[in-house]
Amino acid sequence: SDLLAKAGAKADELLQEVPNLVSDEAVSETQWTVAQGGPADCTGTDCAHFLAGAHSDRNQKFSYMILTHSEQDNRLMVAEYRTGRNGKPPQGTAAPHFQGFIATWLIFTSSNQPESRFRYLGRQQTDGHDTFVIGFAQIPGSVESPGQILGSKGSIPLLLQGIVWIEQSDFRIVRLRTDILSSQPQVEFQQQTSKIVFGPVKVADLMLWLPQAVDVELQANGQYLQEQHQYSNYRLFQAKSMIILSPNH
């Protein structure tokens, strides 16, 4: 309980520091059908959609936006969007299948911790960090804002379980692995795993803690899918608007 309290306090602190941001996102994707083979354990986080198809490989680049806003209860929420080179959100098969990676560590904020069960697994050195290792599983019926699977039959909640590696010295999340809590037969969604690496990012005068790389694997509807996401060049995002009155005013 003491470790969770410290990790929650650090997650709360880091969330308050996150401004509106944009980064460069490079996405590599590989997809197989079952008949073509593919990885044996395809499994991730916040799946946007999944379309069946033959074997394919593609590499794409996007702008990835992270926007924060306060709710009526004063909780700070995080929304994530991506746009193509034309400034518009990618649509249909042009869009990657996954997003929502920075929001995943919000599971560990103090207000969200009651939505999950936790188990201490020990200590481990990973990515050059001395870490505490904790297993977690979200509690069905307790998660206020779960991830979503969007399919042809609509949207269904996506609950997660997984493992988190927490820096021993300052309780920041270094690495996070998530799996879906159970298969989703309504959409033939069997497995999904994401592996997220976090690290320090300097933006203007701020030192933030943000996703660096994400590997996602998925098995659904007789298909295997792998995506690798790389994030770089984080910078402040600002939008301006102007109200122009008509001559009659």
Protein backbone atom coordinates (compact mmCIF):
# COMPACT_ATOMS: atom_id res chain seq x y z
CA SER A 1 0.00 0.00 0.00
CA ASP A 2 2.88 2.38 0.70
CA LEU A 3 4.42 1.73 -2.72
CA LEU A 4 1.06 2.28 -4.45
CA ALA A 5 0.54 5.53 -2.55
CA LYS A 6 3.93 6.85 -3.68
CA ALA A 7 3.41 5.71 -7.28
CA GLY A 8 -0.04 7.34 -7.26
CA ALA A 9 1.33 10.61 -5.91
CA LYS A 10 4.01 10.67 -8.62
CA ALA A 11 1.45 9.88 -11.35
CA ASP A 12 -0.75 12.72 -10.05
CA GLU A 13 2.22 15.09 -10.12
CA LEU A 14 3.27 14.12 -13.65
CA LEU A 15 -0.29 14.43 -14.94
CA GLN A 16 -0.58 17.99 -13.63
CA GLU A 17 2.60 18.91 -15.50
CA VAL A 18 1.44 17.69 -18.94
CA PRO A 19 0.57 20.64 -21.25
CA ASN A 20 -1.02 20.36 -24.68
CA LEU A 21 1.60 18.65 -26.83
CA VAL A 22 2.25 17.43 -30.34
CA SER A 23 4.92 14.94 -31.43
CA ASP A 24 6.10 13.14 -34.55
CA GLU A 25 4.80 9.57 -34.66
CA ALA A 26 6.28 6.87 -36.90
CA VAL A 27 4.15 3.73 -37.23
CA SER A 28 5.28 0.40 -38.73
CA GLU A 29 2.61 -2.25 -39.26
CA THR A 30 2.65 -5.91 -40.25
CA GLN A 31 -0.48 -8.03 -40.69
CA TRP A 32 -1.11 -11.72 -41.42
CA THR A 33 -4.06 -14.03 -41.84
CA VAL A 34 -4.16 -17.24 -39.80
CA ALA A 35 -3.59 -19.31 -42.94
CA GLN A 36 -0.33 -17.41 -43.54
CA GLY A 37 0.91 -18.09 -40.03
CA GLY A 38 2.20 -15.17 -37.97
CA PRO A 39 3.16 -14.71 -34.34
CA ALA A 40 1.76 -17.27 -31.94
CA ASP A 41 0.88 -14.83 -29.16
CA CYS A 42 -0.53 -11.70 -30.74
CA THR A 43 -1.95 -9.45 -28.08
CA GLY A 44 -2.22 -4.13 -26.48
CA THR A 45 -4.05 -0.99 -25.51
CA ASP A 46 -7.00 1.11 -26.66
CA CYS A 47 -7.66 -0.59 -29.97
CA ALA A 48 -9.35 1.81 -32.35
CA HIS A 49 -10.47 -0.66 -35.03
CA PHE A 50 -9.36 -3.84 -36.78
CA LEU A 51 -10.03 -4.76 -40.39
CA ALA A 52 -9.31 -8.23 -41.77
CA GLY A 53 -7.03 -8.53 -44.78
CA ALA A 54 -4.17 -10.35 -46.44
CA HIS A 55 -0.51 -10.08 -45.42
CA SER A 56 0.71 -6.51 -45.63
CA ASP A 57 3.47 -4.22 -44.40
CA ARG A 58 3.43 -0.42 -44.27
CA ASN A 59 5.23 2.51 -42.67
CA GLN A 60 3.49 5.81 -41.97
CA LYS A 61 4.18 9.13 -40.25
CA PHE A 62 1.71 11.29 -38.32
CA SER A 63 1.45 14.21 -35.95
CA TYR A 64 0.29 12.93 -32.56
CA MET A 65 -1.51 15.35 -30.25
CA ILE A 66 -1.93 15.05 -26.48
CA LEU A 67 -4.55 17.45 -25.09
CA THR A 68 -5.47 17.90 -21.43
CA HIS A 69 -8.65 19.36 -19.96
CA SER A 70 -10.38 19.58 -16.57
CA GLU A 71 -13.66 17.81 -15.85
CA GLN A 72 -16.44 19.27 -13.71
CA ASP A 73 -15.11 17.37 -10.69
CA ASN A 74 -11.69 19.03 -11.25
CA ARG A 75 -10.10 15.81 -12.50
CA LEU A 76 -7.58 16.32 -15.29
CA MET A 77 -8.32 14.21 -18.37
CA VAL A 78 -6.06 13.36 -21.31
CA ALA A 79 -7.23 13.00 -24.93
CA GLU A 80 -5.05 11.79 -27.81
CA TYR A 81 -5.44 12.40 -31.55
CA ARG A 82 -3.39 11.91 -34.69
CA THR A 83 -3.37 13.74 -38.01
CA GLY A 84 -1.75 13.05 -41.36
CA ARG A 85 0.41 15.38 -43.40
CA ASN A 86 -2.72 17.13 -44.64
CA GLY A 87 -3.66 18.08 -41.07
CA LYS A 88 -6.74 15.84 -41.09
CA PRO A 89 -7.34 12.67 -39.01
CA PRO A 90 -6.58 9.49 -40.98
CA GLN A 91 -9.72 7.57 -41.91
CA GLY A 92 -10.57 3.91 -42.53
CA THR A 93 -7.73 1.63 -43.52
CA ALA A 94 -5.32 4.59 -43.65
CA ALA A 95 -5.43 4.91 -39.85
CA PRO A 96 -3.27 2.88 -37.44
CA HIS A 97 -5.26 0.51 -35.27
CA PHE A 98 -4.16 1.74 -31.83
CA GLN A 99 -3.86 4.91 -29.78
CA GLY A 100 -4.26 6.07 -26.18
CA PHE A 101 -0.82 5.10 -24.90
CA ILE A 102 -0.10 8.02 -22.60
CA ALA A 103 -3.50 7.60 -20.96
CA THR A 104 -2.65 4.01 -19.97
CA TRP A 105 -0.52 5.05 -17.01
CA LEU A 106 -3.49 6.99 -15.63
CA ILE A 107 -4.55 3.62 -14.20
CA PHE A 108 -2.00 4.37 -11.47
CA THR A 109 -3.17 7.85 -10.45
CA SER A 110 -4.52 7.98 -6.90
CA SER A 111 -8.10 8.58 -8.07
CA ASN A 112 -8.03 5.61 -10.49
CA GLN A 113 -6.23 3.04 -8.31
CA PRO A 114 -9.51 1.84 -6.66
CA GLU A 115 -10.58 0.60 -10.12
CA SER A 116 -7.88 -2.12 -10.12
CA ARG A 117 -6.37 -4.87 -8.01
CA PHE A 118 -2.58 -4.88 -7.52
CA ARG A 119 0.06 -7.41 -6.53
CA TYR A 120 3.70 -6.74 -5.69
CA LEU A 121 5.97 -9.03 -7.74
CA GLY A 122 9.44 -7.95 -6.61
CA ARG A 123 12.39 -5.92 -7.91
CA GLN A 124 14.08 -5.99 -11.31
CA GLN A 125 16.55 -3.97 -13.34
CA THR A 126 15.06 -2.94 -16.69
CA ASP A 127 16.19 -0.40 -19.29
CA GLY A 128 18.99 0.64 -16.94
CA HIS A 129 16.60 1.37 -14.05
CA ASP A 130 16.22 -0.33 -10.67
CA THR A 131 12.48 -0.93 -10.50
CA PHE A 132 9.65 -2.27 -8.39
CA VAL A 133 7.46 -4.68 -10.38
CA ILE A 134 3.68 -4.67 -9.82
CA GLY A 135 0.95 -6.73 -11.45
CA PHE A 136 -2.51 -5.22 -11.89
CA ALA A 137 -5.99 -6.09 -13.18
CA GLN A 138 -8.89 -3.70 -13.67
CA ILE A 139 -12.07 -4.64 -11.80
CA PRO A 140 -15.12 -5.23 -14.04
CA GLY A 141 -17.88 -2.76 -13.24
CA SER A 142 -15.52 -0.36 -11.46
CA VAL A 143 -13.73 1.34 -14.37
CA GLU A 144 -15.32 4.70 -15.15
CA SER A 145 -13.53 5.32 -18.46
CA PRO A 146 -12.33 2.01 -19.96
CA GLY A 147 -10.62 1.66 -23.30
CA GLN A 148 -12.80 0.82 -26.28
CA ILE A 149 -12.82 -1.69 -29.12
CA LEU A 150 -14.55 -0.25 -32.18
CA GLY A 151 -15.88 -2.82 -34.61
CA SER A 152 -18.62 -3.29 -37.16
CA LYS A 153 -21.08 -4.00 -34.33
CA GLY A 154 -20.24 -0.84 -32.42
CA SER A 155 -18.08 -0.12 -29.38
CA ILE A 156 -17.44 -2.43 -26.42
CA PRO A 157 -15.39 -1.75 -23.25
CA LEU A 158 -11.80 -2.97 -23.10
CA LEU A 159 -10.55 -3.84 -19.60
CA LEU A 160 -6.85 -4.42 -18.99
CA GLN A 161 -4.46 -6.42 -16.85
CA GLY A 162 -0.69 -6.29 -16.93
CA ILE A 163 2.63 -5.48 -15.31
CA VAL A 164 4.25 -2.13 -14.50
CA TRP A 165 7.90 -1.38 -13.75
CA ILE A 166 8.30 1.61 -11.38
CA GLU A 167 11.59 3.46 -10.80
CA GLN A 168 12.70 2.83 -7.21
CA SER A 169 14.23 6.27 -6.70
CA ASP A 170 11.33 8.52 -7.77
CA PHE A 171 8.36 6.18 -8.49
CA ARG A 172 7.98 7.07 -12.17
CA ILE A 173 6.62 4.39 -14.51
CA VAL A 174 9.51 3.14 -16.67
CA ARG A 175 7.78 0.38 -18.61
CA LEU A 176 4.21 -0.86 -18.85
CA ARG A 177 2.79 -4.05 -20.35
CA THR A 178 -0.96 -4.50 -20.78
CA ASP A 179 -3.12 -7.41 -21.91
CA ILE A 180 -6.88 -7.53 -22.29
CA LEU A 181 -8.56 -8.92 -19.18
CA SER A 182 -10.62 -11.42 -21.18
CA SER A 183 -11.34 -12.30 -24.80
CA GLN A 184 -14.22 -10.53 -26.56
CA PRO A 185 -16.15 -13.16 -28.55
CA GLN A 186 -18.66 -10.53 -29.78
CA VAL A 187 -15.97 -9.20 -32.11
CA GLU A 188 -13.82 -12.35 -32.30
CA PHE A 189 -11.18 -10.45 -30.34
CA GLN A 190 -8.89 -12.99 -28.67
CA GLN A 191 -5.67 -11.29 -27.53
CA GLN A 192 -4.05 -7.87 -27.40
CA THR A 193 -0.76 -6.88 -25.76
CA SER A 194 1.02 -3.54 -25.60
CA LYS A 195 4.53 -2.82 -24.33
CA ILE A 196 5.15 0.87 -23.61
CA VAL A 197 8.52 2.44 -22.75
CA PHE A 198 8.48 5.84 -20.99
CA GLY A 199 11.30 8.34 -20.59
CA PRO A 200 12.26 11.96 -19.94
CA VAL A 201 11.38 14.57 -22.56
CA LYS A 202 12.41 18.24 -22.41
CA VAL A 203 9.77 20.57 -23.89
CA ALA A 204 10.49 24.31 -23.62
CA ASP A 205 11.39 24.75 -19.91
CA LEU A 206 9.54 21.59 -18.83
CA MET A 207 10.99 18.15 -18.13
CA LEU A 208 8.17 15.68 -18.80
CA TRP A 209 7.80 11.89 -18.65
CA LEU A 210 6.21 10.56 -21.85
CA PRO A 211 5.98 7.49 -24.14
CA GLN A 212 9.08 6.85 -26.25
CA ALA A 213 8.17 3.62 -28.03
CA VAL A 214 5.20 1.24 -28.11
CA ASP A 215 4.90 -2.30 -29.49
CA VAL A 216 1.37 -3.66 -29.91
CA GLU A 217 0.25 -7.14 -30.98
CA LEU A 218 -3.29 -8.26 -31.73
CA GLN A 219 -5.15 -11.44 -32.63
CA ALA A 220 -8.73 -10.97 -33.83
CA ASN A 221 -11.12 -12.34 -36.42
CA GLY A 222 -8.56 -14.80 -37.77
CA GLN A 223 -5.93 -12.06 -38.19
CA TYR A 224 -2.59 -11.25 -36.57
CA LEU A 225 -1.38 -7.66 -36.38
CA GLN A 226 1.79 -6.02 -35.09
CA GLU A 227 2.37 -2.26 -34.82
CA GLN A 228 5.45 -0.38 -33.64
CA HIS A 229 5.06 3.29 -32.67
CA GLN A 230 8.02 5.65 -32.19
CA TYR A 231 7.58 9.17 -30.74
CA SER A 232 10.01 12.07 -31.17
CA ASN A 233 10.21 15.86 -31.35
CA TYR A 234 7.67 16.55 -28.61
CA ARG A 235 6.69 20.23 -28.58
CA LEU A 236 4.01 22.54 -27.22
CA PHE A 237 0.74 22.55 -29.14
CA GLN A 238 -1.17 25.82 -29.42
CA ALA A 239 -4.24 26.68 -31.45
CA LYS A 240 -5.62 30.17 -32.02
CA SER A 241 -9.07 31.24 -33.13
CA MET A 242 -10.56 34.58 -34.09
CA ILE A 243 -14.19 35.70 -34.14
CA ILE A 244 -14.97 37.86 -37.19
CA LEU A 245 -18.21 39.84 -37.04
CA SER A 246 -20.28 40.47 -40.15
CA PRO A 247 -20.59 44.07 -41.43
CA ASN A 248 -24.14 44.25 -40.02
CA HIS A 249 -22.70 44.11 -36.53
